[in-house]
Amino acid sequence: MMNYENVKDALKELVALNNPGTTFGKVSTIIDSGVKTGERKFEVKDLQESNYELLANVCDLLGLSDIYLDEEEE
């Protein structure tokens, strides 16, 4: 996942990912050695993971990392 240098770019990516008109293809499946082994259908969990990473990046940019770090401790 890309780390954004400003909040605006991160939010633009979140909006694009969550736009109802956005279509998703297949997700590559990769094993530990980094070898691509195939593809699978994009799932809601994939979108959640992308959103979470982008939101954590926004928190970092705003100096609010404790928002997601505290959540991980629960």
Protein backbone atom coordinates (compact mmCIF):
# COMPACT_ATOMS: atom_id res chain seq x y z
CA MET A 1 0.00 0.00 0.00
CA MET A 2 1.20 3.47 -0.84
CA ASN A 3 1.87 5.97 1.94
CA TYR A 4 0.55 9.40 1.03
CA GLU A 5 2.39 12.60 1.90
CA ASN A 6 -0.76 14.67 2.45
CA VAL A 7 -4.29 14.15 3.68
CA LYS A 8 -5.89 15.38 0.46
CA ASP A 9 -4.30 12.65 -1.68
CA ALA A 10 -5.17 9.93 0.84
CA LEU A 11 -8.79 11.10 0.99
CA LYS A 12 -9.00 11.26 -2.81
CA GLU A 13 -7.93 7.60 -2.91
CA LEU A 14 -10.53 6.67 -0.26
CA VAL A 15 -13.25 8.42 -2.25
CA ALA A 16 -12.20 6.66 -5.46
CA LEU A 17 -12.10 3.24 -3.77
CA ASN A 18 -15.52 3.69 -2.20
CA ASN A 19 -17.29 5.32 -5.14
CA PRO A 20 -20.31 3.14 -6.02
CA GLY A 21 -19.21 3.25 -9.67
CA THR A 22 -15.81 1.72 -8.95
CA THR A 23 -15.40 -1.84 -10.19
CA PHE A 24 -12.80 -4.25 -8.91
CA GLY A 25 -11.07 -7.03 -10.75
CA LYS A 26 -9.21 -9.95 -9.31
CA VAL A 27 -6.72 -9.96 -6.44
CA SER A 28 -3.41 -11.76 -6.87
CA THR A 29 -2.69 -14.49 -4.38
CA ILE A 30 0.91 -14.48 -3.23
CA ILE A 31 2.71 -16.95 -0.99
CA ASP A 32 5.39 -16.02 1.56
CA SER A 33 8.28 -16.20 -0.90
CA GLY A 34 6.59 -13.50 -3.01
CA VAL A 35 5.62 -15.86 -5.82
CA LYS A 36 2.26 -15.08 -7.46
CA THR A 37 0.21 -18.26 -7.33
CA GLY A 38 -3.08 -17.21 -8.89
CA GLU A 39 -6.00 -14.84 -8.56
CA ARG A 40 -9.20 -14.69 -6.55
CA LYS A 41 -12.29 -12.51 -6.58
CA PHE A 42 -12.03 -9.13 -4.83
CA GLU A 43 -13.93 -9.33 -1.53
CA VAL A 44 -15.34 -6.85 0.98
CA LYS A 45 -12.46 -7.75 3.32
CA ASP A 46 -10.02 -6.45 0.68
CA LEU A 47 -11.82 -3.10 0.63
CA GLN A 48 -11.84 -2.98 4.43
CA GLU A 49 -8.09 -3.60 4.53
CA SER A 50 -7.44 -0.88 1.93
CA ASN A 51 -9.67 1.56 3.79
CA TYR A 52 -8.02 0.75 7.12
CA GLU A 53 -4.51 1.32 5.74
CA LEU A 54 -5.54 4.62 4.14
CA LEU A 55 -7.28 5.79 7.31
CA ALA A 56 -4.22 4.88 9.39
CA ASN A 57 -2.11 6.91 6.94
CA VAL A 58 -4.47 9.90 7.38
CA CYS A 59 -4.21 9.52 11.18
CA ASP A 60 -0.40 9.54 10.89
CA LEU A 61 -0.47 12.68 8.75
CA LEU A 62 -2.69 14.41 11.31
CA GLY A 63 -0.55 13.31 14.25
CA LEU A 64 -3.37 11.11 15.55
CA SER A 65 -1.78 7.66 15.32
CA ASP A 66 -3.16 6.84 18.77
CA ILE A 67 -6.61 6.45 17.18
CA TYR A 68 -5.66 3.22 15.44
CA LEU A 69 -2.88 2.17 17.80
CA ASP A 70 -5.31 2.21 20.75
CA GLU A 71 -7.77 0.13 18.71
CA GLU A 72 -5.14 -2.55 18.07
CA GLU A 73 -4.55 -2.92 21.82
CA GLU A 74 -8.24 -3.72 22.54
